[in-house]
PDB file of N, CA and C in Angstrom:
ATOM      1  N   MET A   1       0.834  -1.148  -0.010  1.00  0.00           N
ATOM      2  CA  MET A   1      -0.016   0.021   0.053  1.00  0.00           C
ATOM      3  C   MET A   1       0.921   1.298   0.016  1.00  0.00           C
ATOM      4  N   SER A   2       0.714   2.148  -0.909  1.00  0.00           N
ATOM      5  CA  SER A   2       1.512   3.319  -0.995  1.00  0.00           C
ATOM      6  C   SER A   2       0.814   4.521  -0.421  1.00  0.00           C
ATOM      7  N   THR A   3       1.626   5.439   0.048  1.00  0.00           N
ATOM      8  CA  THR A   3       1.049   6.629   0.635  1.00  0.00           C
ATOM      9  C   THR A   3       0.840   7.680  -0.408  1.00  0.00           C
ATOM     10  N   PRO A   4      -0.071   8.627  -0.278  1.00  0.00           N
ATOM     11  CA  PRO A   4      -0.212   9.723  -1.343  1.00  0.00           C
ATOM     12  C   PRO A   4       1.014  10.555  -1.486  1.00  0.00           C
ATOM     13  N   LYS A   5       1.352  10.961  -2.613  1.00  0.00           N
ATOM     14  CA  LYS A   5       2.613  11.804  -3.025  1.00  0.00           C
ATOM     15  C   LYS A   5       2.722  12.935  -2.065  1.00  0.00           C
ATOM     16  N   ALA A   6       1.635  13.680  -1.764  1.00  0.00           N
ATOM     17  CA  ALA A   6       1.725  14.849  -0.986  1.00  0.00           C
ATOM     18  C   ALA A   6       2.221  14.566   0.487  1.00  0.00           C
ATOM     19  N   GLU A   7       1.951  13.355   0.963  1.00  0.00           N
ATOM     20  CA  GLU A   7       2.391  13.038   2.371  1.00  0.00           C
ATOM     21  C   GLU A   7       3.811  12.643   2.383  1.00  0.00           C
ATOM     22  N   ARG A   8       4.322  12.093   1.238  1.00  0.00           N
ATOM     23  CA  ARG A   8       5.768  11.666   1.257  1.00  0.00           C
ATOM     24  C   ARG A   8       6.807  12.768   1.144  1.00  0.00           C
ATOM     25  N   ARG A   9       6.323  13.820   0.531  1.00  0.00           N
ATOM     26  CA  ARG A   9       7.259  15.008   0.271  1.00  0.00           C
ATOM     27  C   ARG A   9       7.379  15.801   1.487  1.00  0.00           C
ATOM     28  N   PRO A  10       8.629  16.022   2.054  1.00  0.00           N
ATOM     29  CA  PRO A  10       8.679  16.895   3.239  1.00  0.00           C
ATOM     30  C   PRO A  10       8.645  18.428   2.697  1.00  0.00           C
ATOM     31  N   GLY A  11       7.743  19.099   3.460  1.00  0.00           N
ATOM     32  CA  GLY A  11       7.554  20.615   3.149  1.00  0.00           C
ATOM     33  C   GLY A  11       6.526  20.750   2.045  1.00  0.00           C
ATOM     34  N   GLY A  12       5.907  19.761   1.455  1.00  0.00           N
ATOM     35  CA  GLY A  12       4.897  19.837   0.493  1.00  0.00           C
ATOM     36  C   GLY A  12       3.516  20.048   1.107  1.00  0.00           C
ATOM     37  N   PRO A  13       2.597  20.148   0.279  1.00  0.00           N
ATOM     38  CA  PRO A  13       1.286  20.336   0.840  1.00  0.00           C
ATOM     39  C   PRO A  13       0.770  19.125   1.512  1.00  0.00           C
ATOM     40  N   SER A  14       0.080  19.236   2.618  1.00  0.00           N
ATOM     41  CA  SER A  14      -0.372  18.032   3.353  1.00  0.00           C
ATOM     42  C   SER A  14      -1.843  17.779   2.972  1.00  0.00           C
ATOM     43  N   MET A  15      -2.185  16.524   3.336  1.00  0.00           N
ATOM     44  CA  MET A  15      -3.582  16.110   3.078  1.00  0.00           C
ATOM     45  C   MET A  15      -4.488  16.550   4.247  1.00  0.00           C
ATOM     46  N   THR A  16      -3.917  17.127   5.412  1.00  0.00           N
ATOM     47  CA  THR A  16      -4.641  17.425   6.543  1.00  0.00           C
ATOM     48  C   THR A  16      -5.534  18.721   6.304  1.00  0.00           C
ATOM     49  N   GLY A  17      -5.163  19.506   5.445  1.00  0.00           N
ATOM     50  CA  GLY A  17      -5.896  20.822   5.193  1.00  0.00           C
ATOM     51  C   GLY A  17      -5.462  21.929   6.038  1.00  0.00           C
ATOM     52  N   SER A  18      -4.326  21.762   6.738  1.00  0.00           N
ATOM     53  CA  SER A  18      -3.923  22.889   7.557  1.00  0.00           C
ATOM     54  C   SER A  18      -3.166  23.926   6.663  1.00  0.00           C
ATOM     55  N   ILE A  19      -3.128  25.216   7.114  1.00  0.00           N
ATOM     56  CA  ILE A  19      -2.543  26.215   6.306  1.00  0.00           C
ATOM     57  C   ILE A  19      -1.079  26.279   6.714  1.00  0.00           C
ATOM     58  N   PRO A  20      -0.195  26.323   5.703  1.00  0.00           N
ATOM     59  CA  PRO A  20       1.289  26.423   6.050  1.00  0.00           C
ATOM     60  C   PRO A  20       1.604  27.727   6.612  1.00  0.00           C
ATOM     61  N   GLU A  21       2.651  27.724   7.459  1.00  0.00           N
ATOM     62  CA  GLU A  21       3.103  29.082   8.030  1.00  0.00           C
ATOM     63  C   GLU A  21       3.609  29.925   7.016  1.00  0.00           C
ATOM     64  N   ARG A  22       3.439  31.254   7.211  1.00  0.00           N
ATOM     65  CA  ARG A  22       3.906  32.274   6.317  1.00  0.00           C
ATOM     66  C   ARG A  22       5.414  32.486   6.595  1.00  0.00           C
ATOM     67  N   HIS A  23       6.182  32.572   5.484  1.00  0.00           N
ATOM     68  CA  HIS A  23       7.557  32.830   5.566  1.00  0.00           C
ATOM     69  C   HIS A  23       7.930  34.257   6.047  1.00  0.00           C
ATOM     70  N   THR A  24       8.681  34.416   7.107  1.00  0.00           N
ATOM     71  CA  THR A  24       9.101  35.673   7.566  1.00  0.00           C
ATOM     72  C   THR A  24      10.618  35.849   7.272  1.00  0.00           C
ATOM     73  N   PRO A  25      10.971  36.840   6.361  1.00  0.00           N
ATOM     74  CA  PRO A  25      12.286  37.055   5.987  1.00  0.00           C
ATOM     75  C   PRO A  25      13.167  37.466   7.175  1.00  0.00           C
ATOM     76  N   GLU A  26      14.386  36.991   7.278  1.00  0.00           N
ATOM     77  CA  GLU A  26      15.317  37.273   8.369  1.00  0.00           C
ATOM     78  C   GLU A  26      16.501  38.004   7.747  1.00  0.00           C
ATOM     79  N   ARG A  27      17.053  38.921   8.478  1.00  0.00           N
ATOM     80  CA  ARG A  27      18.258  39.672   8.023  1.00  0.00           C
ATOM     81  C   ARG A  27      19.219  39.736   9.249  1.00  0.00           C
ATOM     82  N   THR A  28      20.509  39.970   9.036  1.00  0.00           N
ATOM     83  CA  THR A  28      21.573  40.066  10.072  1.00  0.00           C
ATOM     84  C   THR A  28      21.963  41.546  10.314  1.00  0.00           C
ATOM     85  N   CYS A  29      21.912  41.821  11.605  1.00  0.00           N
ATOM     86  CA  CYS A  29      22.386  43.215  12.021  1.00  0.00           C
ATOM     87  C   CYS A  29      23.964  43.190  11.771  1.00  0.00           C
ATOM     88  N   VAL A  30      24.437  44.339  11.182  1.00  0.00           N
ATOM     89  CA  VAL A  30      25.790  44.394  10.842  1.00  0.00           C
ATOM     90  C   VAL A  30      26.647  44.752  12.144  1.00  0.00           C
ATOM     91  N   ALA A  31      26.001  45.153  13.143  1.00  0.00           N
ATOM     92  CA  ALA A  31      26.783  45.526  14.408  1.00  0.00           C
ATOM     93  C   ALA A  31      26.894  44.285  15.407  1.00  0.00           C
ATOM     94  N   CYS A  32      25.844  43.669  15.671  1.00  0.00           N
ATOM     95  CA  CYS A  32      25.865  42.517  16.683  1.00  0.00           C
ATOM     96  C   CYS A  32      25.882  41.198  15.931  1.00  0.00           C
ATOM     97  N   ARG A  33      25.625  41.055  14.736  1.00  0.00           N
ATOM     98  CA  ARG A  33      25.586  39.877  13.930  1.00  0.00           C
ATOM     99  C   ARG A  33      24.530  38.973  14.284  1.00  0.00           C
ATOM    100  N   ARG A  34      23.438  39.408  14.956  1.00  0.00           N
ATOM    101  CA  ARG A  34      22.288  38.521  15.227  1.00  0.00           C
ATOM    102  C   ARG A  34      21.246  38.503  14.143  1.00  0.00           C
ATOM    103  N   LYS A  35      20.789  37.373  13.887  1.00  0.00           N
ATOM    104  CA  LYS A  35      19.699  37.230  12.874  1.00  0.00           C
ATOM    105  C   LYS A  35      18.315  37.509  13.481  1.00  0.00           C
ATOM    106  N   ARG A  36      17.462  38.314  12.903  1.00  0.00           N
ATOM    107  CA  ARG A  36      16.194  38.714  13.391  1.00  0.00           C
ATOM    108  C   ARG A  36      15.239  38.863  12.240  1.00  0.00           C
ATOM    109  N   PRO A  37      14.023  38.898  12.533  1.00  0.00           N
ATOM    110  CA  PRO A  37      13.020  39.132  11.422  1.00  0.00           C
ATOM    111  C   PRO A  37      13.212  40.530  10.879  1.00  0.00           C
ATOM    112  N   GLN A  38      13.013  40.644   9.622  1.00  0.00           N
ATOM    113  CA  GLN A  38      13.394  41.919   8.922  1.00  0.00           C
ATOM    114  C   GLN A  38      12.638  43.115   9.491  1.00  0.00           C
ATOM    115  N   GLY A  39      11.371  42.931   9.982  1.00  0.00           N
ATOM    116  CA  GLY A  39      10.635  44.036  10.605  1.00  0.00           C
ATOM    117  C   GLY A  39      11.234  44.657  11.881  1.00  0.00           C
ATOM    118  N   GLU A  40      12.128  43.857  12.491  1.00  0.00           N
ATOM    119  CA  GLU A  40      12.684  44.366  13.744  1.00  0.00           C
ATOM    120  C   GLU A  40      14.138  45.059  13.578  1.00  0.00           C
ATOM    121  N   LEU A  41      14.371  45.324  12.270  1.00  0.00           N
ATOM    122  CA  LEU A  41      15.723  45.947  11.902  1.00  0.00           C
ATOM    123  C   LEU A  41      15.388  47.265  11.203  1.00  0.00           C
ATOM    124  N   LEU A  42      16.388  48.169  11.247  1.00  0.00           N
ATOM    125  CA  LEU A  42      16.386  49.364  10.412  1.00  0.00           C
ATOM    126  C   LEU A  42      17.216  49.091   9.143  1.00  0.00           C
ATOM    127  N   ARG A  43      16.772  49.586   8.019  1.00  0.00           N
ATOM    128  CA  ARG A  43      17.522  49.346   6.861  1.00  0.00           C
ATOM    129  C   ARG A  43      18.240  50.720   6.478  1.00  0.00           C
ATOM    130  N   LEU A  44      19.500  50.565   6.198  1.00  0.00           N
ATOM    131  CA  LEU A  44      20.322  51.776   5.757  1.00  0.00           C
ATOM    132  C   LEU A  44      20.793  51.538   4.383  1.00  0.00           C
ATOM    133  N   THR A  45      20.700  52.621   3.582  1.00  0.00           N
ATOM    134  CA  THR A  45      21.214  52.462   2.237  1.00  0.00           C
ATOM    135  C   THR A  45      22.184  53.698   1.978  1.00  0.00           C
ATOM    136  N   GLN A  46      23.152  53.445   1.139  1.00  0.00           N
ATOM    137  CA  GLN A  46      24.119  54.569   0.818  1.00  0.00           C
ATOM    138  C   GLN A  46      23.498  55.481  -0.198  1.00  0.00           C
ATOM    139  N   GLN A  47      23.539  56.746   0.052  1.00  0.00           N
ATOM    140  CA  GLN A  47      23.000  57.793  -0.907  1.00  0.00           C
ATOM    141  C   GLN A  47      24.042  58.815  -1.048  1.00  0.00           C
ATOM    142  N   GLY A  48      24.601  58.937  -2.179  1.00  0.00           N
ATOM    143  CA  GLY A  48      25.672  59.811  -2.393  1.00  0.00           C
ATOM    144  C   GLY A  48      26.884  59.478  -1.547  1.00  0.00           C
ATOM    145  N   GLU A  49      27.284  60.457  -0.771  1.00  0.00           N
ATOM    146  CA  GLU A  49      28.423  60.337   0.050  1.00  0.00           C
ATOM    147  C   GLU A  49      28.131  59.775   1.497  1.00  0.00           C
ATOM    148  N   GLY A  50      26.777  59.743   1.780  1.00  0.00           N
ATOM    149  CA  GLY A  50      26.431  59.288   3.141  1.00  0.00           C
ATOM    150  C   GLY A  50      25.449  58.188   3.102  1.00  0.00           C
ATOM    151  N   TRP A  51      24.835  57.852   4.335  1.00  0.00           N
ATOM    152  CA  TRP A  51      23.879  56.853   4.478  1.00  0.00           C
ATOM    153  C   TRP A  51      22.602  57.385   4.893  1.00  0.00           C
ATOM    154  N   ALA A  52      21.502  56.792   4.603  1.00  0.00           N
ATOM    155  CA  ALA A  52      20.197  57.206   4.965  1.00  0.00           C
ATOM    156  C   ALA A  52      19.340  55.996   5.510  1.00  0.00           C
ATOM    157  N   ILE A  53      18.428  56.310   6.467  1.00  0.00           N
ATOM    158  CA  ILE A  53      17.508  55.190   6.948  1.00  0.00           C
ATOM    159  C   ILE A  53      16.364  55.117   5.997  1.00  0.00           C
ATOM    160  N   GLN A  54      16.054  53.989   5.491  1.00  0.00           N
ATOM    161  CA  GLN A  54      15.044  53.688   4.525  1.00  0.00           C
ATOM    162  C   GLN A  54      13.778  53.157   5.221  1.00  0.00           C
ATOM    163  N   GLN A  55      12.721  53.915   4.981  1.00  0.00           N
ATOM    164  CA  GLN A  55      11.429  53.391   5.587  1.00  0.00           C
ATOM    165  C   GLN A  55      10.634  52.588   4.584  1.00  0.00           C
ATOM    166  N   ARG A  56      10.314  53.173   3.484  1.00  0.00           N
ATOM    167  CA  ARG A  56       9.457  52.569   2.462  1.00  0.00           C
ATOM    168  C   ARG A  56      10.137  52.070   1.220  1.00  0.00           C
ATOM    169  N   GLN A  57      10.813  52.956   0.538  1.00  0.00           N
ATOM    170  CA  GLN A  57      11.469  52.564  -0.734  1.00  0.00           C
ATOM    171  C   GLN A  57      12.677  51.792  -0.427  1.00  0.00           C
ATOM    172  N   ARG A  58      12.727  50.621  -1.073  1.00  0.00           N
ATOM    173  CA  ARG A  58      13.879  49.682  -0.870  1.00  0.00           C
ATOM    174  C   ARG A  58      14.615  49.389  -2.087  1.00  0.00           C
ATOM    175  N   THR A  59      15.305  50.311  -2.614  1.00  0.00           N
ATOM    176  CA  THR A  59      16.145  50.130  -3.825  1.00  0.00           C
ATOM    177  C   THR A  59      17.517  50.082  -3.492  1.00  0.00           C
ATOM    178  N   GLY A  60      18.340  49.423  -4.232  1.00  0.00           N
ATOM    179  CA  GLY A  60      19.764  49.303  -3.977  1.00  0.00           C
ATOM    180  C   GLY A  60      20.130  48.436  -2.853  1.00  0.00           C
ATOM    181  N   ARG A  61      21.420  48.352  -2.673  1.00  0.00           N
ATOM    182  CA  ARG A  61      21.975  47.455  -1.544  1.00  0.00           C
ATOM    183  C   ARG A  61      21.715  48.197  -0.211  1.00  0.00           C
ATOM    184  N   GLY A  62      21.406  47.453   0.723  1.00  0.00           N
ATOM    185  CA  GLY A  62      21.306  47.999   2.051  1.00  0.00           C
ATOM    186  C   GLY A  62      21.945  47.058   3.141  1.00  0.00           C
ATOM    187  N   VAL A  63      22.064  47.678   4.349  1.00  0.00           N
ATOM    188  CA  VAL A  63      22.485  47.024   5.509  1.00  0.00           C
ATOM    189  C   VAL A  63      21.491  47.144   6.572  1.00  0.00           C
ATOM    190  N   TYR A  64      21.390  46.290   7.552  1.00  0.00           N
ATOM    191  CA  TYR A  64      20.382  46.281   8.584  1.00  0.00           C
ATOM    192  C   TYR A  64      21.165  46.464  10.034  1.00  0.00           C
ATOM    193  N   VAL A  65      20.464  47.183  10.800  1.00  0.00           N
ATOM    194  CA  VAL A  65      20.885  47.403  12.193  1.00  0.00           C
ATOM    195  C   VAL A  65      19.679  47.162  13.072  1.00  0.00           C
ATOM    196  N   CYS A  66      19.816  46.625  14.261  1.00  0.00           N
ATOM    197  CA  CYS A  66      18.817  46.440  15.284  1.00  0.00           C
ATOM    198  C   CYS A  66      18.087  47.749  15.559  1.00  0.00           C
ATOM    199  N   ALA A  67      16.743  47.696  15.484  1.00  0.00           N
ATOM    200  CA  ALA A  67      15.957  49.008  15.673  1.00  0.00           C
ATOM    201  C   ALA A  67      15.767  49.193  17.199  1.00  0.00           C
ATOM    202  N   ASP A  68      15.877  48.205  17.960  1.00  0.00           N
ATOM    203  CA  ASP A  68      15.523  48.413  19.465  1.00  0.00           C
ATOM    204  C   ASP A  68      16.736  48.294  20.320  1.00  0.00           C
ATOM    205  N   SER A  69      17.942  48.374  19.714  1.00  0.00           N
ATOM    206  CA  SER A  69      19.094  48.133  20.599  1.00  0.00           C
ATOM    207  C   SER A  69      20.147  49.313  20.365  1.00  0.00           C
ATOM    208  N   PRO A  70      20.093  50.298  21.292  1.00  0.00           N
ATOM    209  CA  PRO A  70      21.050  51.420  21.175  1.00  0.00           C
ATOM    210  C   PRO A  70      22.526  50.969  21.178  1.00  0.00           C
ATOM    211  N   ALA A  71      22.819  49.809  21.726  1.00  0.00           N
ATOM    212  CA  ALA A  71      24.126  49.253  21.706  1.00  0.00           C
ATOM    213  C   ALA A  71      24.636  49.012  20.318  1.00  0.00           C
ATOM    214  N   CYS A  72      23.774  48.707  19.425  1.00  0.00           N
ATOM    215  CA  CYS A  72      24.119  48.534  18.049  1.00  0.00           C
ATOM    216  C   CYS A  72      24.333  49.801  17.345  1.00  0.00           C
ATOM    217  N   TRP A  73      23.919  50.972  17.892  1.00  0.00           N
ATOM    218  CA  TRP A  73      24.105  52.206  17.237  1.00  0.00           C
ATOM    219  C   TRP A  73      25.437  52.923  17.544  1.00  0.00           C
ATOM    220  N   GLN A  74      26.106  52.337  18.455  1.00  0.00           N
ATOM    221  CA  GLN A  74      27.422  52.914  18.881  1.00  0.00           C
ATOM    222  C   GLN A  74      28.542  52.753  17.768  1.00  0.00           C
ATOM    223  N   GLU A  75      29.424  53.682  17.748  1.00  0.00           N
ATOM    224  CA  GLU A  75      30.360  53.752  16.695  1.00  0.00           C
ATOM    225  C   GLU A  75      31.246  52.451  16.582  1.00  0.00           C
ATOM    226  N   LYS A  76      31.694  51.935  17.658  1.00  0.00           N
ATOM    227  CA  LYS A  76      32.585  50.769  17.646  1.00  0.00           C
ATOM    228  C   LYS A  76      32.045  49.578  16.960  1.00  0.00           C
ATOM    229  N   PRO A  77      30.806  49.164  17.304  1.00  0.00           N
ATOM    230  CA  PRO A  77      30.288  47.905  16.563  1.00  0.00           C
ATOM    231  C   PRO A  77      29.907  48.200  15.098  1.00  0.00           C
ATOM    232  N   LEU A  78      29.831  49.370  14.731  1.00  0.00           N
ATOM    233  CA  LEU A  78      29.484  49.751  13.351  1.00  0.00           C
ATOM    234  C   LEU A  78      30.748  49.935  12.429  1.00  0.00           C
ATOM    235  N   ARG A  79      31.936  49.912  13.056  1.00  0.00           N
ATOM    236  CA  ARG A  79      33.135  50.009  12.235  1.00  0.00           C
ATOM    237  C   ARG A  79      33.436  48.897  11.266  1.00  0.00           C
ATOM    238  N   ARG A  80      33.003  47.704  11.515  1.00  0.00           N
ATOM    239  CA  ARG A  80      33.185  46.552  10.680  1.00  0.00           C
ATOM    240  C   ARG A  80      32.498  46.834   9.261  1.00  0.00           C
ATOM    241  N   ALA A  81      31.315  47.339   9.301  1.00  0.00           N
ATOM    242  CA  ALA A  81      30.546  47.522   8.158  1.00  0.00           C
ATOM    243  C   ALA A  81      30.795  48.870   7.427  1.00  0.00           C
ATOM    244  N   PHE A  82      31.006  49.926   8.248  1.00  0.00           N
ATOM    245  CA  PHE A  82      31.114  51.275   7.723  1.00  0.00           C
ATOM    246  C   PHE A  82      32.435  51.885   7.676  1.00  0.00           C
ATOM    247  N   ARG A  83      33.404  51.307   8.294  1.00  0.00           N
ATOM    248  CA  ARG A  83      34.770  51.851   8.331  1.00  0.00           C
ATOM    249  C   ARG A  83      34.857  53.253   8.834  1.00  0.00           C
ATOM    250  N   ALA A  84      35.370  54.162   7.951  1.00  0.00           N
ATOM    251  CA  ALA A  84      35.541  55.614   8.223  1.00  0.00           C
ATOM    252  C   ALA A  84      34.217  56.324   8.515  1.00  0.00           C
ATOM    253  N   GLN A  85      33.126  55.754   7.954  1.00  0.00           N
ATOM    254  CA  GLN A  85      31.886  56.439   8.022  1.00  0.00           C
ATOM    255  C   GLN A  85      31.046  56.025   9.338  1.00  0.00           C
ATOM    256  N   ALA A  86      31.645  55.203  10.132  1.00  0.00           N
ATOM    257  CA  ALA A  86      30.936  54.616  11.355  1.00  0.00           C
ATOM    258  C   ALA A  86      30.418  55.742  12.221  1.00  0.00           C
ATOM    259  N   SER A  87      31.255  56.794  12.475  1.00  0.00           N
ATOM    260  CA  SER A  87      30.832  57.796  13.375  1.00  0.00           C
ATOM    261  C   SER A  87      29.698  58.583  12.753  1.00  0.00           C
ATOM    262  N   ALA A  88      29.637  58.873  11.545  1.00  0.00           N
ATOM    263  CA  ALA A  88      28.535  59.544  10.879  1.00  0.00           C
ATOM    264  C   ALA A  88      27.275  58.736  10.979  1.00  0.00           C
ATOM    265  N   VAL A  89      27.364  57.423  10.788  1.00  0.00           N
ATOM    266  CA  VAL A  89      26.179  56.510  10.777  1.00  0.00           C
ATOM    267  C   VAL A  89      25.743  56.417  12.138  1.00  0.00           C
ATOM    268  N   SER A  90      26.648  56.360  13.136  1.00  0.00           N
ATOM    269  CA  SER A  90      26.158  56.331  14.532  1.00  0.00           C
ATOM    270  C   SER A  90      25.290  57.511  14.911  1.00  0.00           C
ATOM    271  N   GLU A  91      25.834  58.700  14.518  1.00  0.00           N
ATOM    272  CA  GLU A  91      25.140  59.929  14.839  1.00  0.00           C
ATOM    273  C   GLU A  91      23.773  59.943  14.117  1.00  0.00           C
ATOM    274  N   LEU A  92      23.636  59.443  12.914  1.00  0.00           N
ATOM    275  CA  LEU A  92      22.466  59.316  12.181  1.00  0.00           C
ATOM    276  C   LEU A  92      21.414  58.531  12.897  1.00  0.00           C
ATOM    277  N   LEU A  93      21.896  57.357  13.426  1.00  0.00           N
ATOM    278  CA  LEU A  93      21.034  56.402  14.054  1.00  0.00           C
ATOM    279  C   LEU A  93      20.508  56.976  15.404  1.00  0.00           C
ATOM    280  N   LYS A  94      21.452  57.661  16.142  1.00  0.00           N
ATOM    281  CA  LYS A  94      21.067  58.296  17.455  1.00  0.00           C
ATOM    282  C   LYS A  94      20.093  59.440  17.274  1.00  0.00           C
ATOM    283  N   THR A  95      20.181  60.235  16.168  1.00  0.00           N
ATOM    284  CA  THR A  95      19.364  61.411  16.073  1.00  0.00           C
ATOM    285  C   THR A  95      18.023  61.060  15.366  1.00  0.00           C
ATOM    286  N   GLN A  96      18.031  60.139  14.413  1.00  0.00           N
ATOM    287  CA  GLN A  96      16.781  59.968  13.689  1.00  0.00           C
ATOM    288  C   GLN A  96      15.985  58.750  14.176  1.00  0.00           C
ATOM    289  N   THR A  97      16.494  58.119  15.231  1.00  0.00           N
ATOM    290  CA  THR A  97      15.747  56.898  15.699  1.00  0.00           C
ATOM    291  C   THR A  97      15.337  57.140  17.140  1.00  0.00           C
ATOM    292  N   PRO A  98      14.048  57.075  17.472  1.00  0.00           N
ATOM    293  CA  PRO A  98      13.630  57.251  18.820  1.00  0.00           C
ATOM    294  C   PRO A  98      14.153  56.182  19.762  1.00  0.00           C
ATOM    295  N   GLU A  99      14.572  56.561  20.961  1.00  0.00           N
ATOM    296  CA  GLU A  99      14.977  55.547  21.943  1.00  0.00           C
ATOM    297  C   GLU A  99      13.942  54.580  22.217  1.00  0.00           C
ATOM    298  N   PRO A 100      14.224  53.298  22.248  1.00  0.00           N
ATOM    299  CA  PRO A 100      13.205  52.323  22.542  1.00  0.00           C
ATOM    300  C   PRO A 100      12.769  52.494  23.990  1.00  0.00           C
ATOM    301  N   GLN A 101      11.448  52.450  24.242  1.00  0.00           N
ATOM    302  CA  GLN A 101      10.888  52.621  25.590  1.00  0.00           C
ATOM    303  C   GLN A 101      10.856  51.243  26.254  1.00  0.00           C
ATOM    304  N   PRO A 102      11.399  51.106  27.479  1.00  0.00           N
ATOM    305  CA  PRO A 102      11.392  49.837  28.233  1.00  0.00           C
ATOM    306  C   PRO A 102       9.862  49.451  28.438  1.00  0.00           C
ATOM    307  N   SER A 103       9.539  48.188  28.349  1.00  0.00           N
ATOM    308  CA  SER A 103       8.170  47.808  28.563  1.00  0.00           C
ATOM    309  C   SER A 103       7.873  47.775  30.088  1.00  0.00           C
ATOM    310  N   PRO A 104       6.670  48.240  30.463  1.00  0.00           N
ATOM    311  CA  PRO A 104       6.325  48.291  31.846  1.00  0.00           C
ATOM    312  C   PRO A 104       6.362  46.934  32.532  1.00  0.00           C
ATOM    313  N   PRO A 105       6.665  46.871  33.763  1.00  0.00           N
ATOM    314  CA  PRO A 105       6.734  45.642  34.429  1.00  0.00           C
ATOM    315  C   PRO A 105       5.336  45.039  34.555  1.00  0.00           C
ATOM    316  N   GLU A 106       5.213  43.773  34.437  1.00  0.00           N
ATOM    317  CA  GLU A 106       3.897  43.071  34.553  1.00  0.00           C
ATOM    318  C   GLU A 106       3.520  43.149  36.013  1.00  0.00           C
ATOM    319  N   THR A 107       2.338  43.421  36.256  1.00  0.00           N
ATOM    320  CA  THR A 107       1.696  43.266  37.592  1.00  0.00           C
ATOM    321  C   THR A 107       1.086  41.976  37.766  1.00  0.00           C
ATOM    322  N   PRO A 108       1.324  41.323  38.907  1.00  0.00           N
ATOM    323  CA  PRO A 108       0.654  40.064  39.166  1.00  0.00           C
ATOM    324  C   PRO A 108      -0.881  40.149  39.285  1.00  0.00           C
ATOM    325  N   PRO A 109      -1.616  39.176  38.879  1.00  0.00           N
ATOM    326  CA  PRO A 109      -3.063  39.231  38.937  1.00  0.00           C
ATOM    327  C   PRO A 109      -3.595  39.191  40.366  1.00  0.00           C
ATOM    328  N   ARG A 110      -4.593  39.922  40.610  1.00  0.00           N
ATOM    329  CA  ARG A 110      -5.218  39.969  41.857  1.00  0.00           C
ATOM    330  C   ARG A 110      -5.932  38.699  42.213  1.00  0.00           C
ATOM    331  N   PRO A 111      -5.795  38.229  43.465  1.00  0.00           N
ATOM    332  CA  PRO A 111      -6.527  36.999  43.835  1.00  0.00           C
ATOM    333  C   PRO A 111      -7.979  37.166  43.941  1.00  0.00           C
TER     334      PRO A 111
END
């Protein structure tokens, strides 16, 4: 007795009718080298002689930096990717990116 073709193929459509998970693109932060979902990172692209934070338009090559980690915005971790422009990129990130707000502590439920 053979099994249906769809059940034999790993990653293929299943006969159970479940909806497959949607793919979430991951990118790597150039400062800390952590892989994170693309939506949790800021994208920087080179424009002329400097760098700019890209919100919507995504043309050309870009690099990604953690959006919620001010440690990644410091000059020293950015040197690997930006070399001499690391200080300018660090200032750009500090001035154009709002500081992440710490989440409020959870209060225990009342009995």
